[in-house]
Amino acid sequence: MRVAAPAKINLYLRVTGRRSDGYHLLDSLAAFADVHDTLLLAPADELDLAVEGPFAGELGEDAGENLVLCAARRLAETAGVPARARITLVKRLPVASGIGGGSSDAAAALGGLSRLWGLDVAASDLADLALGLGADVPVCLAGRAAFMGGIGERLEAAGPLPAAGMVLVNPRVAIPTPEVFKRRSGPFSPLAADRPGGFRDLADLLRLLESLGNDLAEPAIGVAPVIAEALDTLGAAPGCRLARLSGSGATCFGIFDDRAAAERAAAGIRAARAGWWTVPATLVDDVSRIEPLL
């Protein structure tokens, strides 16, 4: 069984408060790009994980104890079944990069293993399990564009998103999310007043995004100033309609009218910034439309 674990993109992100336990409250529109990790799942006598792909080395010594294995063990415990599967994670997304790679991997493991093991776990139990793994796992498990609230557990369907191309750029720096939140200062943002149930076209989506930014951009640039260069480079690319940081960074994204425009822009950025991770993509509002690559 092959399962796609796509990049999660925070099209906007506002920090609206902080709970007494230290967790921050967020307001975000999360969607996906068709760039993805892949999980290969097969029956086995025990639980085993192998990691390969261009970013396998960035998982370091923790590769054997990452969120994929945690998800598998907790799912088996919740369902009362043995944790038995051979899992191969093909890691194509950079680590600690603000696009939910680990969270998406964990969500893909929950969904894929539920099918592999023939489980009938209630959606609410799966959602609780997902939240216990990380704040981004619930939206990745849902697999549809959504407005996120709370610490990530409150999801409101965003409706269909317009067709658009994207370019994802990471200047190859890993940023610890806690450090970004520690640098955030000033008052919290109010919840966005407008949460449309859909968008007429790309211009309609861009109007919303232009009024709502990413509250973590400034502190992230304080941690890694090269993010500002990545945003400027994306913004200057021909056809870029909006350039923004995703999550706590360091991955930035640009929105383009279509995939062809994104591919041309990505080629230009790769030529100028050979050391950066730069990929063209398509904006996706439903993960089930992504065909998993080997």
Protein backbone atom coordinates (compact mmCIF):
# COMPACT_ATOMS: atom_id res chain seq x y z
CA MET A 1 0.00 0.00 0.00
CA ARG A 2 1.25 3.47 -0.93
CA VAL A 3 0.09 6.55 0.96
CA ALA A 4 0.96 10.18 0.18
CA ALA A 5 1.99 12.48 3.03
CA PRO A 6 1.82 15.93 1.41
CA ALA A 7 3.27 19.25 2.48
CA LYS A 8 0.86 21.18 4.70
CA ILE A 9 0.79 24.89 3.85
CA ASN A 10 -0.39 27.61 6.23
CA LEU A 11 -1.85 30.07 3.74
CA TYR A 12 -2.22 32.49 6.66
CA LEU A 13 -1.40 32.05 10.34
CA ARG A 14 -2.36 34.22 13.31
CA VAL A 15 -1.42 33.66 16.95
CA THR A 16 -4.56 34.50 18.93
CA GLY A 17 -3.58 33.62 22.50
CA ARG A 18 -1.83 31.18 24.80
CA ARG A 19 -3.27 28.58 27.15
CA SER A 20 -2.22 28.22 30.75
CA ASP A 21 -0.19 25.12 29.81
CA GLY A 22 1.90 27.19 27.38
CA TYR A 23 0.36 25.99 24.12
CA HIS A 24 -0.41 28.82 21.70
CA LEU A 25 -3.83 29.28 20.13
CA LEU A 26 -3.87 29.71 16.38
CA ASP A 27 -6.10 30.84 13.55
CA SER A 28 -4.96 29.52 10.18
CA LEU A 29 -6.13 28.45 6.76
CA ALA A 30 -4.29 25.22 6.03
CA ALA A 31 -4.15 23.57 2.63
CA PHE A 32 -1.75 21.20 0.91
CA ALA A 33 0.73 21.05 -1.94
CA ASP A 34 1.09 17.96 -4.11
CA VAL A 35 4.77 17.65 -3.11
CA HIS A 36 4.88 14.77 -0.65
CA ASP A 37 6.61 12.07 1.31
CA THR A 38 5.43 8.52 0.60
CA LEU A 39 4.70 5.71 3.06
CA LEU A 40 4.90 2.14 1.78
CA LEU A 41 3.00 -0.23 4.08
CA ALA A 42 3.04 -4.03 4.06
CA PRO A 43 2.04 -6.84 6.47
CA ALA A 44 4.84 -8.13 8.69
CA ASP A 45 5.43 -10.16 11.86
CA GLU A 46 6.64 -7.09 13.77
CA LEU A 47 6.77 -3.31 13.46
CA ASP A 48 9.67 -2.09 11.38
CA LEU A 49 10.52 1.28 9.82
CA ALA A 50 13.04 2.05 7.09
CA VAL A 51 13.68 5.62 5.95
CA GLU A 52 15.02 6.52 2.53
CA GLY A 53 14.86 9.41 0.11
CA PRO A 54 16.73 12.72 -0.28
CA PHE A 55 15.98 13.95 3.26
CA ALA A 56 16.31 10.66 5.13
CA GLY A 57 19.63 11.77 6.61
CA GLU A 58 18.07 14.84 8.21
CA LEU A 59 16.07 12.65 10.58
CA GLY A 60 19.38 11.69 12.17
CA GLU A 61 19.54 9.28 15.08
CA ASP A 62 15.84 9.76 15.84
CA ALA A 63 14.76 8.17 12.53
CA GLY A 64 13.75 4.98 14.33
CA GLU A 65 11.58 6.79 16.88
CA ASN A 66 9.86 9.37 14.71
CA LEU A 67 6.17 10.16 14.60
CA VAL A 68 5.43 7.36 12.15
CA LEU A 69 6.35 4.69 14.69
CA CYS A 70 4.63 6.59 17.48
CA ALA A 71 1.46 6.77 15.39
CA ALA A 72 1.61 3.07 14.57
CA ARG A 73 2.06 2.02 18.20
CA ARG A 74 -0.66 4.29 19.54
CA LEU A 75 -3.09 3.20 16.83
CA ALA A 76 -2.46 -0.47 17.63
CA GLU A 77 -2.91 0.20 21.34
CA THR A 78 -6.15 2.11 20.77
CA ALA A 79 -7.54 -0.63 18.52
CA GLY A 80 -6.27 -3.50 20.68
CA VAL A 81 -4.31 -5.15 17.88
CA PRO A 82 -0.63 -6.11 17.51
CA ALA A 83 1.57 -3.42 15.96
CA ARG A 84 2.79 -5.38 12.96
CA ALA A 85 3.79 -3.75 9.69
CA ARG A 86 6.78 -3.11 7.49
CA ILE A 87 6.88 0.64 6.84
CA THR A 88 9.14 2.44 4.40
CA LEU A 89 9.14 6.23 4.61
CA VAL A 90 10.40 7.93 1.46
CA LYS A 91 11.40 11.34 2.82
CA ARG A 92 11.18 14.05 0.14
CA LEU A 93 10.19 16.99 2.35
CA PRO A 94 12.82 18.85 4.39
CA VAL A 95 12.75 18.34 8.16
CA ALA A 96 11.73 21.08 10.65
CA SER A 97 10.66 23.30 7.77
CA GLY A 98 7.17 24.62 8.60
CA ILE A 99 5.26 22.40 6.16
CA GLY A 100 4.23 19.68 8.58
CA GLY A 101 6.33 16.89 7.12
CA GLY A 102 6.46 14.80 10.29
CA SER A 103 2.82 15.51 11.08
CA SER A 104 1.75 14.53 7.58
CA ASP A 105 3.80 11.34 7.82
CA ALA A 106 2.08 10.47 11.11
CA ALA A 107 -1.37 11.17 9.66
CA ALA A 108 -0.59 9.02 6.62
CA ALA A 109 0.48 6.22 8.95
CA LEU A 110 -2.78 6.45 10.91
CA GLY A 111 -4.92 6.33 7.78
CA GLY A 112 -2.88 3.74 5.92
CA LEU A 113 -2.45 1.34 8.84
CA SER A 114 -6.15 1.59 9.69
CA ARG A 115 -6.84 0.19 6.22
CA LEU A 116 -3.97 -2.31 6.28
CA TRP A 117 -5.11 -3.72 9.63
CA GLY A 118 -8.82 -3.59 8.75
CA LEU A 119 -9.65 -1.38 11.73
CA ASP A 120 -12.94 0.31 12.51
CA VAL A 121 -11.77 3.09 14.84
CA ALA A 122 -14.23 5.91 15.45
CA ALA A 123 -13.33 9.17 13.71
CA SER A 124 -13.39 10.99 17.05
CA ASP A 125 -10.92 8.51 18.56
CA LEU A 126 -8.61 8.89 15.56
CA ALA A 127 -8.82 12.68 15.87
CA ASP A 128 -7.91 12.51 19.57
CA LEU A 129 -5.04 10.18 18.78
CA ALA A 130 -3.84 12.56 16.06
CA LEU A 131 -3.88 15.57 18.38
CA GLY A 132 -1.82 13.65 20.91
CA LEU A 133 0.87 13.27 18.27
CA GLY A 134 1.06 16.98 17.38
CA ALA A 135 -0.97 20.10 16.66
CA ASP A 136 -0.71 19.72 12.85
CA VAL A 137 -1.61 16.04 12.73
CA PRO A 138 -5.44 16.49 12.91
CA VAL A 139 -5.65 18.67 9.78
CA CYS A 140 -3.26 16.34 7.95
CA LEU A 141 -5.41 13.37 8.97
CA ALA A 142 -8.57 15.13 7.77
CA GLY A 143 -6.79 15.67 4.45
CA ARG A 144 -8.85 18.67 3.34
CA ALA A 145 -8.27 22.41 3.35
CA ALA A 146 -9.56 23.79 6.64
CA PHE A 147 -9.59 26.75 8.93
CA MET A 148 -7.69 25.68 12.06
CA GLY A 149 -8.43 26.96 15.54
CA GLY A 150 -7.43 26.21 19.11
CA ILE A 151 -4.07 24.47 19.11
CA GLY A 152 -5.02 22.69 15.88
CA GLU A 153 -7.93 20.54 17.04
CA ARG A 154 -10.72 22.81 15.82
CA LEU A 155 -11.24 22.32 12.11
CA GLU A 156 -13.78 24.06 9.90
CA ALA A 157 -13.99 23.02 6.24
CA ALA A 158 -12.71 25.74 3.93
CA GLY A 159 -14.62 24.52 0.91
CA PRO A 160 -13.12 24.17 -2.56
CA LEU A 161 -9.96 26.16 -3.27
CA PRO A 162 -9.27 27.64 -6.71
CA ALA A 163 -6.71 26.07 -9.01
CA ALA A 164 -3.26 27.61 -8.53
CA GLY A 165 0.40 26.85 -8.97
CA MET A 166 2.90 27.11 -6.13
CA VAL A 167 6.63 27.26 -5.63
CA LEU A 168 8.05 26.02 -2.34
CA VAL A 169 11.44 27.35 -1.32
CA ASN A 170 13.52 26.36 1.69
CA PRO A 171 16.97 27.93 2.09
CA ARG A 172 18.11 24.69 3.78
CA VAL A 173 17.92 25.84 7.38
CA ALA A 174 16.00 23.92 10.05
CA ILE A 175 14.17 26.10 12.56
CA PRO A 176 13.00 24.85 15.98
CA THR A 177 9.38 25.96 16.36
CA PRO A 178 9.73 26.74 20.11
CA GLU A 179 12.50 29.25 19.35
CA VAL A 180 10.25 31.11 16.91
CA PHE A 181 7.40 31.33 19.41
CA LYS A 182 9.86 32.48 22.09
CA ARG A 183 10.86 35.43 19.88
CA ARG A 184 7.26 36.46 19.17
CA SER A 185 6.33 39.69 20.93
CA GLY A 186 3.46 42.15 21.02
CA PRO A 187 -0.27 41.56 21.43
CA PHE A 188 -2.09 38.52 20.15
CA SER A 189 -4.10 38.80 16.94
CA PRO A 190 -7.90 38.66 16.85
CA LEU A 191 -9.62 35.81 15.07
CA ALA A 192 -10.19 36.46 11.39
CA ALA A 193 -13.66 37.91 10.95
CA ASP A 194 -14.25 36.38 7.52
CA ARG A 195 -14.24 32.59 7.05
CA PRO A 196 -15.79 31.98 3.66
CA GLY A 197 -17.17 28.59 2.77
CA GLY A 198 -15.45 28.68 -0.59
CA PHE A 199 -13.76 30.96 -3.10
CA ARG A 200 -15.03 32.08 -6.49
CA ASP A 201 -11.57 32.24 -8.03
CA LEU A 202 -7.90 32.80 -7.23
CA ALA A 203 -8.39 36.56 -6.91
CA ASP A 204 -11.02 35.89 -4.25
CA LEU A 205 -8.61 33.72 -2.25
CA LEU A 206 -5.79 36.25 -2.62
CA ARG A 207 -7.99 39.04 -1.28
CA LEU A 208 -8.44 37.09 1.94
CA LEU A 209 -4.77 36.16 2.22
CA GLU A 210 -3.55 39.69 1.60
CA SER A 211 -5.53 40.86 4.63
CA LEU A 212 -4.18 38.09 6.88
CA GLY A 213 -0.46 37.42 7.17
CA ASN A 214 1.76 35.09 9.17
CA ASP A 215 2.39 36.30 12.73
CA LEU A 216 5.46 34.07 12.95
CA ALA A 217 7.25 35.55 9.93
CA GLU A 218 9.06 38.31 11.82
CA PRO A 219 10.32 36.11 14.69
CA ALA A 220 11.30 33.39 12.20
CA ILE A 221 13.38 35.90 10.24
CA GLY A 222 14.99 36.85 13.55
CA VAL A 223 16.06 33.22 13.97
CA ALA A 224 17.11 32.77 10.32
CA PRO A 225 17.55 36.06 8.39
CA VAL A 226 17.91 34.13 5.12
CA ILE A 227 14.11 33.69 5.18
CA ALA A 228 13.77 37.35 4.21
CA GLU A 229 15.96 36.69 1.18
CA ALA A 230 13.84 33.69 0.23
CA LEU A 231 10.65 35.76 0.46
CA ASP A 232 12.17 38.55 -1.63
CA THR A 233 13.37 36.05 -4.24
CA LEU A 234 9.95 34.43 -4.49
CA GLY A 235 8.15 37.77 -4.59
CA ALA A 236 10.35 38.94 -7.46
CA ALA A 237 9.75 35.81 -9.55
CA PRO A 238 7.71 36.51 -12.71
CA GLY A 239 4.06 35.74 -12.13
CA CYS A 240 4.21 35.47 -8.34
CA ARG A 241 0.92 36.70 -6.88
CA LEU A 242 1.82 36.30 -3.19
CA ALA A 243 4.94 35.23 -1.30
CA ARG A 244 4.70 34.10 2.31
CA LEU A 245 6.25 31.97 5.04
CA SER A 246 4.49 28.71 5.94
CA GLY A 247 4.14 27.90 9.64
CA SER A 248 7.22 28.75 11.66
CA GLY A 249 9.47 28.30 8.61
CA ALA A 250 11.84 28.16 7.03
CA THR A 251 9.85 27.05 3.97
CA CYS A 252 8.29 29.90 2.00
CA PHE A 253 5.71 29.57 -0.73
CA GLY A 254 4.69 31.62 -3.72
CA ILE A 255 1.28 31.45 -5.38
CA PHE A 256 1.03 31.55 -9.18
CA ASP A 257 -1.83 31.47 -11.66
CA ASP A 258 -1.07 27.93 -12.75
CA ARG A 259 1.41 25.07 -12.58
CA ALA A 260 3.22 26.14 -15.76
CA ALA A 261 3.99 29.57 -14.31
CA ALA A 262 5.19 27.95 -11.10
CA GLU A 263 7.51 25.61 -13.00
CA ARG A 264 9.08 28.51 -14.90
CA ALA A 265 9.60 30.47 -11.68
CA ALA A 266 11.07 27.45 -9.88
CA ALA A 267 13.56 26.88 -12.69
CA GLY A 268 14.73 30.48 -12.43
CA ILE A 269 15.13 30.33 -8.65
CA ARG A 270 17.01 27.03 -8.80
CA ALA A 271 19.43 28.53 -11.31
CA ALA A 272 20.09 31.51 -9.05
CA ARG A 273 20.03 29.68 -5.69
CA ALA A 274 21.40 26.21 -6.34
CA GLY A 275 21.77 25.45 -2.64
CA TRP A 276 18.10 25.97 -1.83
CA TRP A 277 15.33 23.38 -1.95
CA THR A 278 13.02 24.75 -4.65
CA VAL A 279 10.10 22.79 -6.10
CA PRO A 280 7.05 23.65 -8.22
CA ALA A 281 3.73 22.38 -6.92
CA THR A 282 -0.03 22.60 -7.25
CA LEU A 283 -2.33 23.91 -4.51
CA VAL A 284 -4.50 21.03 -3.26
CA ASP A 285 -7.63 21.14 -1.10
CA ASP A 286 -8.19 17.35 -0.97
CA VAL A 287 -5.31 14.99 -0.28
CA SER A 288 -7.15 12.05 -1.86
CA ARG A 289 -6.47 13.62 -5.27
CA ILE A 290 -2.71 13.10 -4.89
CA GLU A 291 -1.27 10.00 -6.56
CA PRO A 292 1.51 8.71 -4.25
CA LEU A 293 4.93 8.54 -5.87
CA LEU A 294 7.28 5.65 -5.18
